[in-house]
Amino acid sequence: MGAPGARRGLEWLLGLYFLLHISITLLMDLQVVLPRELYPVELRRLFKWYTKEFKDPLIQDPPAWFKSFLFCEFVFQLPFFPIATYAFFKGGCKWIRTPAIVYSVHAMTTVIPILFTFLFEDFSKASGFKGQGPQTFQERITLVSVYAPFLLIPLLLLLFMLRSPYYKYEEKRKKK
């Protein structure tokens, strides 16, 4: 396959990630911060099913800090998703490097506290969660597995942008 083939494969994976992220953000995530009337009944049912099935306490009764993360996703990340989708499906768009680094660091910074909450919060005692949330280790791992791609793929993106010789920034020097 070689380096160019591997690069193109990774670009396609990233393009698919951003394409899927558009629909996930619009159809699911933003139901937390936008008026429910904007969503058809079927999507509200899907949202309710997800919260019950996966025992996601951040979605069931979202704390202010989590709403702030989703607001940032709406305002800063969502406009970037179609641009990144285009850049990675097209391939070879070196101009995506800096915005991709900014996105990946921002995304990872928001997902880490979410994962720590799922793993270490005692939901039976946490007043903010009203006893809702995963109780068993298996339920916690299941919920973490839903969110983990939103940490792992941005980490992969960050490493790809920083380490790929193709995307490395080359300073142009003026001749004296």
N, C-alpha and C. Protein backbone atom coordinates (compact mmCIF):
# COMPACT_ATOMS: atom_id res chain seq x y z
N MET A 1 0.84 -1.20 0.00
CA MET A 1 0.00 0.00 0.00
C MET A 1 0.87 1.25 0.00
N GLY A 2 1.94 1.30 0.78
CA GLY A 2 2.86 2.43 0.75
C GLY A 2 2.35 3.64 1.50
N ALA A 3 3.23 4.61 1.66
CA ALA A 3 2.90 5.82 2.43
C ALA A 3 1.77 6.64 1.81
N PRO A 4 1.79 6.90 0.50
CA PRO A 4 0.67 7.67 -0.06
C PRO A 4 -0.68 6.95 0.08
N GLY A 5 -0.66 5.63 -0.08
CA GLY A 5 -1.90 4.86 0.08
C GLY A 5 -2.41 4.88 1.50
N ALA A 6 -1.49 4.77 2.46
CA ALA A 6 -1.87 4.83 3.87
C ALA A 6 -2.40 6.21 4.22
N ARG A 7 -1.75 7.25 3.69
CA ARG A 7 -2.22 8.62 3.93
C ARG A 7 -3.63 8.81 3.39
N ARG A 8 -3.87 8.32 2.17
CA ARG A 8 -5.21 8.47 1.57
C ARG A 8 -6.25 7.68 2.36
N GLY A 9 -5.88 6.50 2.84
CA GLY A 9 -6.80 5.71 3.65
C GLY A 9 -7.17 6.44 4.93
N LEU A 10 -6.19 7.04 5.57
CA LEU A 10 -6.46 7.79 6.79
C LEU A 10 -7.28 9.04 6.50
N GLU A 11 -6.99 9.70 5.38
CA GLU A 11 -7.79 10.87 5.00
C GLU A 11 -9.26 10.47 4.77
N TRP A 12 -9.48 9.33 4.14
CA TRP A 12 -10.85 8.87 3.93
C TRP A 12 -11.54 8.54 5.26
N LEU A 13 -10.82 7.92 6.18
CA LEU A 13 -11.38 7.65 7.50
C LEU A 13 -11.77 8.95 8.20
N LEU A 14 -10.90 9.95 8.12
CA LEU A 14 -11.19 11.24 8.74
C LEU A 14 -12.36 11.94 8.04
N GLY A 15 -12.41 11.84 6.73
CA GLY A 15 -13.55 12.42 6.00
C GLY A 15 -14.86 11.79 6.42
N LEU A 16 -14.86 10.47 6.56
CA LEU A 16 -16.06 9.76 7.02
C LEU A 16 -16.43 10.15 8.45
N TYR A 17 -15.43 10.27 9.31
CA TYR A 17 -15.67 10.70 10.70
C TYR A 17 -16.38 12.05 10.73
N PHE A 18 -15.86 13.02 9.98
CA PHE A 18 -16.46 14.35 10.00
C PHE A 18 -17.84 14.36 9.35
N LEU A 19 -18.03 13.58 8.30
CA LEU A 19 -19.34 13.47 7.67
C LEU A 19 -20.38 12.91 8.65
N LEU A 20 -20.01 11.84 9.35
CA LEU A 20 -20.92 11.25 10.34
C LEU A 20 -21.14 12.19 11.52
N HIS A 21 -20.11 12.94 11.87
CA HIS A 21 -20.22 13.85 13.01
C HIS A 21 -21.24 14.96 12.75
N ILE A 22 -21.40 15.35 11.49
CA ILE A 22 -22.41 16.37 11.15
C ILE A 22 -23.79 15.88 11.57
N SER A 23 -24.13 14.66 11.15
CA SER A 23 -25.47 14.13 11.47
C SER A 23 -25.62 13.85 12.96
N ILE A 24 -24.59 13.33 13.60
CA ILE A 24 -24.67 13.07 15.05
C ILE A 24 -24.91 14.36 15.81
N THR A 25 -24.19 15.40 15.43
CA THR A 25 -24.34 16.69 16.11
C THR A 25 -25.73 17.27 15.88
N LEU A 26 -26.15 17.30 14.63
CA LEU A 26 -27.44 17.92 14.31
C LEU A 26 -28.63 17.13 14.84
N LEU A 27 -28.58 15.81 14.72
CA LEU A 27 -29.75 15.00 15.05
C LEU A 27 -29.82 14.57 16.51
N MET A 28 -28.67 14.46 17.18
CA MET A 28 -28.68 13.96 18.57
C MET A 28 -28.15 14.99 19.56
N ASP A 29 -26.89 15.37 19.41
CA ASP A 29 -26.24 16.21 20.43
C ASP A 29 -26.97 17.52 20.69
N LEU A 30 -27.39 18.17 19.63
CA LEU A 30 -27.99 19.49 19.81
C LEU A 30 -29.39 19.46 20.41
N GLN A 31 -29.97 18.27 20.54
CA GLN A 31 -31.27 18.18 21.23
C GLN A 31 -31.14 18.62 22.68
N VAL A 32 -29.93 18.60 23.21
CA VAL A 32 -29.71 19.03 24.59
C VAL A 32 -29.82 20.54 24.73
N VAL A 33 -29.39 21.29 23.72
CA VAL A 33 -29.34 22.75 23.84
C VAL A 33 -30.36 23.51 22.99
N LEU A 34 -30.93 22.86 22.01
CA LEU A 34 -31.92 23.54 21.16
C LEU A 34 -33.34 23.17 21.61
N PRO A 35 -34.31 24.02 21.28
CA PRO A 35 -35.70 23.69 21.67
C PRO A 35 -36.15 22.37 21.06
N ARG A 36 -36.82 21.55 21.87
CA ARG A 36 -37.24 20.22 21.42
C ARG A 36 -38.22 20.28 20.26
N GLU A 37 -38.93 21.39 20.10
CA GLU A 37 -39.89 21.54 19.01
C GLU A 37 -39.22 21.51 17.64
N LEU A 38 -37.93 21.76 17.59
CA LEU A 38 -37.21 21.73 16.32
C LEU A 38 -37.04 20.32 15.77
N TYR A 39 -37.26 19.32 16.63
CA TYR A 39 -37.00 17.94 16.24
C TYR A 39 -38.29 17.16 16.08
N PRO A 40 -38.38 16.35 15.02
CA PRO A 40 -39.57 15.50 14.86
C PRO A 40 -39.65 14.47 15.99
N VAL A 41 -40.85 13.98 16.19
CA VAL A 41 -41.11 13.03 17.27
C VAL A 41 -40.18 11.81 17.19
N GLU A 42 -39.92 11.34 15.98
CA GLU A 42 -39.08 10.14 15.82
C GLU A 42 -37.68 10.37 16.36
N LEU A 43 -37.11 11.55 16.12
CA LEU A 43 -35.78 11.84 16.63
C LEU A 43 -35.79 12.02 18.14
N ARG A 44 -36.85 12.59 18.67
CA ARG A 44 -36.96 12.72 20.13
C ARG A 44 -37.09 11.35 20.78
N ARG A 45 -37.78 10.44 20.12
CA ARG A 45 -37.89 9.06 20.65
C ARG A 45 -36.53 8.37 20.61
N LEU A 46 -35.81 8.54 19.53
CA LEU A 46 -34.47 7.96 19.42
C LEU A 46 -33.57 8.51 20.52
N PHE A 47 -33.64 9.79 20.76
CA PHE A 47 -32.87 10.45 21.80
C PHE A 47 -33.22 9.87 23.18
N LYS A 48 -34.51 9.71 23.43
CA LYS A 48 -34.97 9.16 24.71
C LYS A 48 -34.53 7.69 24.85
N TRP A 49 -34.65 6.93 23.77
CA TRP A 49 -34.21 5.54 23.79
C TRP A 49 -32.72 5.45 24.14
N TYR A 50 -31.91 6.29 23.49
CA TYR A 50 -30.47 6.28 23.74
C TYR A 50 -30.19 6.56 25.22
N THR A 51 -30.82 7.58 25.78
CA THR A 51 -30.53 7.95 27.17
C THR A 51 -30.90 6.83 28.14
N LYS A 52 -32.00 6.13 27.85
CA LYS A 52 -32.40 5.03 28.74
C LYS A 52 -31.54 3.79 28.50
N GLU A 53 -31.31 3.46 27.25
CA GLU A 53 -30.56 2.24 26.92
C GLU A 53 -29.11 2.30 27.41
N PHE A 54 -28.48 3.45 27.24
CA PHE A 54 -27.07 3.59 27.60
C PHE A 54 -26.86 4.27 28.95
N LYS A 55 -27.95 4.64 29.60
CA LYS A 55 -27.90 5.27 30.93
C LYS A 55 -26.94 6.44 30.94
N ASP A 56 -27.09 7.31 29.95
CA ASP A 56 -26.20 8.46 29.80
C ASP A 56 -26.72 9.61 30.67
N PRO A 57 -26.11 9.85 31.83
CA PRO A 57 -26.62 10.87 32.74
C PRO A 57 -26.41 12.28 32.22
N LEU A 58 -25.42 12.47 31.37
CA LEU A 58 -25.18 13.81 30.83
C LEU A 58 -26.26 14.22 29.85
N ILE A 59 -26.87 13.26 29.21
CA ILE A 59 -27.96 13.54 28.29
C ILE A 59 -29.30 13.57 29.03
N GLN A 60 -29.47 12.67 30.00
CA GLN A 60 -30.74 12.60 30.75
C GLN A 60 -31.03 13.90 31.49
N ASP A 61 -30.03 14.40 32.18
CA ASP A 61 -30.19 15.63 32.97
C ASP A 61 -28.88 16.41 32.86
N PRO A 62 -28.68 17.10 31.73
CA PRO A 62 -27.36 17.68 31.44
C PRO A 62 -26.98 18.82 32.40
N PRO A 63 -25.80 18.70 33.02
CA PRO A 63 -25.30 19.80 33.83
C PRO A 63 -24.87 20.97 32.94
N ALA A 64 -24.73 22.14 33.54
CA ALA A 64 -24.39 23.35 32.77
C ALA A 64 -23.06 23.19 32.03
N TRP A 65 -22.08 22.55 32.66
CA TRP A 65 -20.79 22.41 32.01
C TRP A 65 -20.90 21.57 30.74
N PHE A 66 -21.76 20.54 30.76
CA PHE A 66 -21.94 19.70 29.58
C PHE A 66 -22.67 20.47 28.48
N LYS A 67 -23.66 21.26 28.87
CA LYS A 67 -24.36 22.10 27.88
C LYS A 67 -23.38 23.08 27.23
N SER A 68 -22.43 23.58 28.02
CA SER A 68 -21.44 24.51 27.44
C SER A 68 -20.57 23.80 26.41
N PHE A 69 -20.24 22.53 26.64
CA PHE A 69 -19.48 21.76 25.65
C PHE A 69 -20.29 21.62 24.36
N LEU A 70 -21.58 21.32 24.49
CA LEU A 70 -22.42 21.14 23.31
C LEU A 70 -22.66 22.46 22.59
N PHE A 71 -22.72 23.55 23.34
CA PHE A 71 -22.84 24.86 22.72
C PHE A 71 -21.58 25.15 21.88
N CYS A 72 -20.41 24.84 22.43
CA CYS A 72 -19.16 25.00 21.67
C CYS A 72 -19.14 24.10 20.44
N GLU A 73 -19.66 22.91 20.58
CA GLU A 73 -19.74 22.00 19.42
C GLU A 73 -20.61 22.63 18.33
N PHE A 74 -21.70 23.24 18.73
CA PHE A 74 -22.62 23.88 17.79
C PHE A 74 -21.98 25.09 17.12
N VAL A 75 -21.35 25.95 17.90
CA VAL A 75 -20.84 27.22 17.40
C VAL A 75 -19.49 27.08 16.69
N PHE A 76 -18.59 26.28 17.25
CA PHE A 76 -17.23 26.22 16.71
C PHE A 76 -16.94 24.98 15.88
N GLN A 77 -17.41 23.82 16.34
CA GLN A 77 -17.05 22.59 15.64
C GLN A 77 -17.94 22.32 14.43
N LEU A 78 -19.24 22.47 14.58
CA LEU A 78 -20.16 22.14 13.49
C LEU A 78 -19.82 22.88 12.19
N PRO A 79 -19.50 24.17 12.21
CA PRO A 79 -19.11 24.82 10.94
C PRO A 79 -17.84 24.23 10.33
N PHE A 80 -16.98 23.66 11.16
CA PHE A 80 -15.73 23.07 10.68
C PHE A 80 -15.95 21.71 10.03
N PHE A 81 -16.96 20.97 10.48
CA PHE A 81 -17.17 19.60 10.00
C PHE A 81 -17.30 19.49 8.48
N PRO A 82 -18.13 20.29 7.80
CA PRO A 82 -18.20 20.15 6.33
C PRO A 82 -16.89 20.54 5.64
N ILE A 83 -16.18 21.50 6.20
CA ILE A 83 -14.90 21.91 5.62
C ILE A 83 -13.90 20.76 5.73
N ALA A 84 -13.84 20.14 6.90
CA ALA A 84 -12.93 19.01 7.11
C ALA A 84 -13.35 17.82 6.26
N THR A 85 -14.66 17.59 6.15
CA THR A 85 -15.14 16.50 5.30
C THR A 85 -14.64 16.69 3.87
N TYR A 86 -14.82 17.88 3.35
CA TYR A 86 -14.35 18.19 2.00
C TYR A 86 -12.84 17.98 1.87
N ALA A 87 -12.08 18.58 2.81
CA ALA A 87 -10.62 18.53 2.73
C ALA A 87 -10.09 17.11 2.76
N PHE A 88 -10.65 16.27 3.63
CA PHE A 88 -10.10 14.93 3.75
C PHE A 88 -10.59 14.00 2.64
N PHE A 89 -11.81 14.16 2.17
CA PHE A 89 -12.24 13.35 1.03
C PHE A 89 -11.48 13.76 -0.23
N LYS A 90 -11.26 15.05 -0.42
CA LYS A 90 -10.50 15.51 -1.58
C LYS A 90 -9.05 15.06 -1.47
N GLY A 91 -8.49 15.18 -0.29
CA GLY A 91 -7.12 14.76 -0.05
C GLY A 91 -6.11 15.80 -0.48
N GLY A 92 -5.00 15.80 0.20
CA GLY A 92 -3.91 16.69 -0.17
C GLY A 92 -4.12 18.16 0.14
N CYS A 93 -5.08 18.49 0.97
CA CYS A 93 -5.36 19.88 1.31
C CYS A 93 -4.52 20.28 2.53
N LYS A 94 -3.34 20.76 2.26
CA LYS A 94 -2.42 21.08 3.35
C LYS A 94 -2.94 22.21 4.24
N TRP A 95 -3.81 23.04 3.73
CA TRP A 95 -4.36 24.16 4.49
C TRP A 95 -5.23 23.70 5.67
N ILE A 96 -5.63 22.43 5.69
CA ILE A 96 -6.48 21.92 6.78
C ILE A 96 -5.67 21.65 8.05
N ARG A 97 -4.36 21.65 7.95
CA ARG A 97 -3.50 21.26 9.08
C ARG A 97 -3.80 22.07 10.35
N THR A 98 -3.70 23.38 10.31
CA THR A 98 -3.89 24.19 11.52
C THR A 98 -5.32 24.08 12.05
N PRO A 99 -6.36 24.23 11.23
CA PRO A 99 -7.71 24.05 11.77
C PRO A 99 -7.94 22.65 12.35
N ALA A 100 -7.34 21.63 11.74
CA ALA A 100 -7.50 20.26 12.24
C ALA A 100 -6.82 20.10 13.60
N ILE A 101 -5.67 20.73 13.78
CA ILE A 101 -4.99 20.67 15.07
C ILE A 101 -5.83 21.37 16.13
N VAL A 102 -6.37 22.53 15.81
CA VAL A 102 -7.21 23.26 16.76
C VAL A 102 -8.44 22.42 17.12
N TYR A 103 -9.11 21.86 16.11
CA TYR A 103 -10.28 21.02 16.37
C TYR A 103 -9.92 19.83 17.26
N SER A 104 -8.86 19.13 16.92
CA SER A 104 -8.53 17.90 17.65
C SER A 104 -8.23 18.18 19.11
N VAL A 105 -7.50 19.24 19.38
CA VAL A 105 -7.19 19.59 20.78
C VAL A 105 -8.46 19.99 21.52
N HIS A 106 -9.30 20.78 20.87
CA HIS A 106 -10.57 21.20 21.50
C HIS A 106 -11.45 19.99 21.78
N ALA A 107 -11.58 19.10 20.82
CA ALA A 107 -12.45 17.93 20.99
C ALA A 107 -11.93 17.04 22.12
N MET A 108 -10.64 16.78 22.15
CA MET A 108 -10.10 15.93 23.20
C MET A 108 -10.26 16.58 24.58
N THR A 109 -10.10 17.89 24.63
CA THR A 109 -10.23 18.61 25.91
C THR A 109 -11.65 18.50 26.46
N THR A 110 -12.64 18.42 25.60
CA THR A 110 -14.02 18.29 26.08
C THR A 110 -14.39 16.84 26.39
N VAL A 111 -13.82 15.89 25.69
CA VAL A 111 -14.20 14.49 25.89
C VAL A 111 -13.56 13.90 27.15
N ILE A 112 -12.37 14.33 27.49
CA ILE A 112 -11.68 13.77 28.67
C ILE A 112 -12.51 13.94 29.94
N PRO A 113 -13.04 15.13 30.27
CA PRO A 113 -13.85 15.22 31.49
C PRO A 113 -15.13 14.39 31.43
N ILE A 114 -15.67 14.21 30.24
CA ILE A 114 -16.87 13.38 30.08
C ILE A 114 -16.53 11.93 30.43
N LEU A 115 -15.43 11.43 29.88
CA LEU A 115 -15.03 10.05 30.16
C LEU A 115 -14.70 9.84 31.64
N PHE A 116 -14.03 10.81 32.24
CA PHE A 116 -13.72 10.70 33.67
C PHE A 116 -15.00 10.69 34.49
N THR A 117 -15.98 11.48 34.09
CA THR A 117 -17.27 11.49 34.80
C THR A 117 -17.90 10.10 34.73
N PHE A 118 -17.93 9.51 33.55
CA PHE A 118 -18.53 8.19 33.39
C PHE A 118 -17.79 7.12 34.19
N LEU A 119 -16.50 7.23 34.24
CA LEU A 119 -15.70 6.20 34.90
C LEU A 119 -15.66 6.34 36.42
N PHE A 120 -15.66 7.56 36.93
CA PHE A 120 -15.35 7.74 38.35
C PHE A 120 -16.46 8.38 39.19
N GLU A 121 -17.48 8.92 38.57
CA GLU A 121 -18.55 9.56 39.35
C GLU A 121 -19.40 8.50 40.05
N ASP A 122 -19.75 8.77 41.29
CA ASP A 122 -20.68 7.90 42.03
C ASP A 122 -22.08 8.47 41.78
N PHE A 123 -22.74 7.96 40.76
CA PHE A 123 -24.03 8.52 40.34
C PHE A 123 -25.13 8.30 41.37
N SER A 124 -24.97 7.34 42.24
CA SER A 124 -25.98 7.12 43.27
C SER A 124 -25.97 8.24 44.32
N LYS A 125 -24.83 8.91 44.46
CA LYS A 125 -24.70 9.96 45.48
C LYS A 125 -24.61 11.36 44.88
N ALA A 126 -24.30 11.46 43.62
CA ALA A 126 -24.11 12.77 42.99
C ALA A 126 -25.45 13.46 42.83
N SER A 127 -25.63 14.55 43.53
CA SER A 127 -26.93 15.23 43.53
C SER A 127 -27.28 15.78 42.15
N GLY A 128 -26.27 16.19 41.40
CA GLY A 128 -26.54 16.75 40.08
C GLY A 128 -27.10 15.75 39.09
N PHE A 129 -26.90 14.47 39.34
CA PHE A 129 -27.36 13.44 38.40
C PHE A 129 -28.60 12.71 38.89
N LYS A 130 -29.09 13.06 40.06
CA LYS A 130 -30.33 12.50 40.59
C LYS A 130 -30.34 10.97 40.57
N GLY A 131 -29.21 10.36 40.85
CA GLY A 131 -29.14 8.90 40.91
C GLY A 131 -29.19 8.22 39.56
N GLN A 132 -29.18 9.01 38.48
CA GLN A 132 -29.25 8.44 37.13
C GLN A 132 -27.83 8.20 36.63
N GLY A 133 -27.66 7.16 35.89
CA GLY A 133 -26.36 6.91 35.29
C GLY A 133 -25.99 5.45 35.39
N PRO A 134 -24.84 5.13 34.82
CA PRO A 134 -24.39 3.74 34.85
C PRO A 134 -24.04 3.33 36.27
N GLN A 135 -24.43 2.13 36.64
CA GLN A 135 -24.16 1.64 38.00
C GLN A 135 -23.08 0.57 38.00
N THR A 136 -23.12 -0.30 37.01
CA THR A 136 -22.14 -1.39 36.98
C THR A 136 -20.94 -1.01 36.14
N PHE A 137 -19.87 -1.74 36.31
CA PHE A 137 -18.66 -1.51 35.52
C PHE A 137 -18.97 -1.70 34.03
N GLN A 138 -19.75 -2.72 33.70
CA GLN A 138 -20.11 -3.00 32.30
C GLN A 138 -20.88 -1.82 31.69
N GLU A 139 -21.82 -1.26 32.45
CA GLU A 139 -22.59 -0.10 31.96
C GLU A 139 -21.67 1.10 31.73
N ARG A 140 -20.72 1.28 32.62
CA ARG A 140 -19.77 2.40 32.47
C ARG A 140 -18.90 2.21 31.23
N ILE A 141 -18.40 1.00 31.03
CA ILE A 141 -17.55 0.73 29.87
C ILE A 141 -18.35 0.87 28.57
N THR A 142 -19.59 0.42 28.59
CA THR A 142 -20.44 0.58 27.40
C THR A 142 -20.62 2.04 27.05
N LEU A 143 -20.89 2.86 28.06
CA LEU A 143 -21.08 4.29 27.83
C LEU A 143 -19.77 4.94 27.38
N VAL A 144 -18.67 4.56 27.98
CA VAL A 144 -17.37 5.09 27.56
C VAL A 144 -17.09 4.72 26.11
N SER A 145 -17.48 3.52 25.70
CA SER A 145 -17.24 3.08 24.32
C SER A 145 -18.04 3.91 23.31
N VAL A 146 -19.15 4.48 23.73
CA VAL A 146 -19.93 5.36 22.84
C VAL A 146 -19.16 6.66 22.59
N TYR A 147 -18.52 7.18 23.63
CA TYR A 147 -17.83 8.47 23.53
C TYR A 147 -16.36 8.34 23.12
N ALA A 148 -15.76 7.19 23.32
CA ALA A 148 -14.32 7.01 23.07
C ALA A 148 -13.88 7.39 21.66
N PRO A 149 -14.64 7.08 20.60
CA PRO A 149 -14.18 7.49 19.27
C PRO A 149 -13.99 8.99 19.13
N PHE A 150 -14.71 9.77 19.94
CA PHE A 150 -14.60 11.23 19.87
C PHE A 150 -13.38 11.74 20.63
N LEU A 151 -12.65 10.83 21.27
CA LEU A 151 -11.34 11.11 21.83
C LEU A 151 -10.26 10.50 20.94
N LEU A 152 -10.46 9.26 20.53
CA LEU A 152 -9.43 8.53 19.80
C LEU A 152 -9.21 9.06 18.38
N ILE A 153 -10.27 9.37 17.67
CA ILE A 153 -10.09 9.87 16.29
C ILE A 153 -9.47 11.26 16.29
N PRO A 154 -9.90 12.20 17.16
CA PRO A 154 -9.16 13.46 17.22
C PRO A 154 -7.69 13.30 17.62
N LEU A 155 -7.39 12.33 18.49
CA LEU A 155 -6.00 12.07 18.83
C LEU A 155 -5.23 11.57 17.60
N LEU A 156 -5.84 10.67 16.86
CA LEU A 156 -5.24 10.19 15.61
C LEU A 156 -5.04 11.35 14.63
N LEU A 157 -6.05 12.22 14.53
CA LEU A 157 -5.97 13.39 13.65
C LEU A 157 -4.80 14.29 14.08
N LEU A 158 -4.70 14.55 15.37
CA LEU A 158 -3.62 15.40 15.87
C LEU A 158 -2.25 14.82 15.53
N LEU A 159 -2.08 13.53 15.80
CA LEU A 159 -0.80 12.89 15.50
C LEU A 159 -0.50 12.89 14.00
N PHE A 160 -1.53 12.67 13.20
CA PHE A 160 -1.38 12.67 11.74
C PHE A 160 -0.94 14.06 11.26
N MET A 161 -1.56 15.10 11.78
CA MET A 161 -1.22 16.45 11.35
C MET A 161 0.18 16.86 11.82
N LEU A 162 0.57 16.41 13.01
CA LEU A 162 1.87 16.79 13.55
C LEU A 162 3.02 15.96 13.00
N ARG A 163 2.75 14.68 12.69
CA ARG A 163 3.83 13.76 12.34
C ARG A 163 3.94 13.45 10.84
N SER A 164 2.89 13.64 10.10
CA SER A 164 2.94 13.30 8.68
C SER A 164 3.87 14.26 7.94
N PRO A 165 4.85 13.71 7.22
CA PRO A 165 5.73 14.61 6.45
C PRO A 165 4.95 15.38 5.39
N TYR A 166 3.84 14.81 4.94
CA TYR A 166 3.05 15.49 3.92
C TYR A 166 2.41 16.77 4.46
N TYR A 167 1.96 16.74 5.70
CA TYR A 167 1.28 17.89 6.30
C TYR A 167 2.20 18.79 7.11
N LYS A 168 3.47 18.44 7.21
CA LYS A 168 4.41 19.26 7.98
C LYS A 168 4.59 20.61 7.32
N TYR A 169 4.67 21.62 8.15
CA TYR A 169 4.85 22.98 7.68
C TYR A 169 6.30 23.19 7.28
N GLU A 170 6.49 23.72 6.11
CA GLU A 170 7.83 24.04 5.66
C GLU A 170 7.93 25.56 5.52
N GLU A 171 8.85 26.11 6.27
CA GLU A 171 9.05 27.55 6.23
C GLU A 171 9.73 27.95 4.94
N LYS A 172 9.18 28.94 4.29
CA LYS A 172 9.81 29.44 3.06
C LYS A 172 10.73 30.59 3.46
N ARG A 173 11.96 30.48 3.06
CA ARG A 173 12.95 31.49 3.41
C ARG A 173 13.22 32.38 2.21
N LYS A 174 13.39 33.63 2.54
CA LYS A 174 13.75 34.58 1.48
C LYS A 174 15.24 34.49 1.24
N LYS A 175 15.62 34.63 -0.02
CA LYS A 175 17.03 34.66 -0.37
C LYS A 175 17.56 36.07 -0.14
N LYS A 176 18.79 36.12 0.39
CA LYS A 176 19.41 37.45 0.64
C LYS A 176 20.15 37.93 -0.54
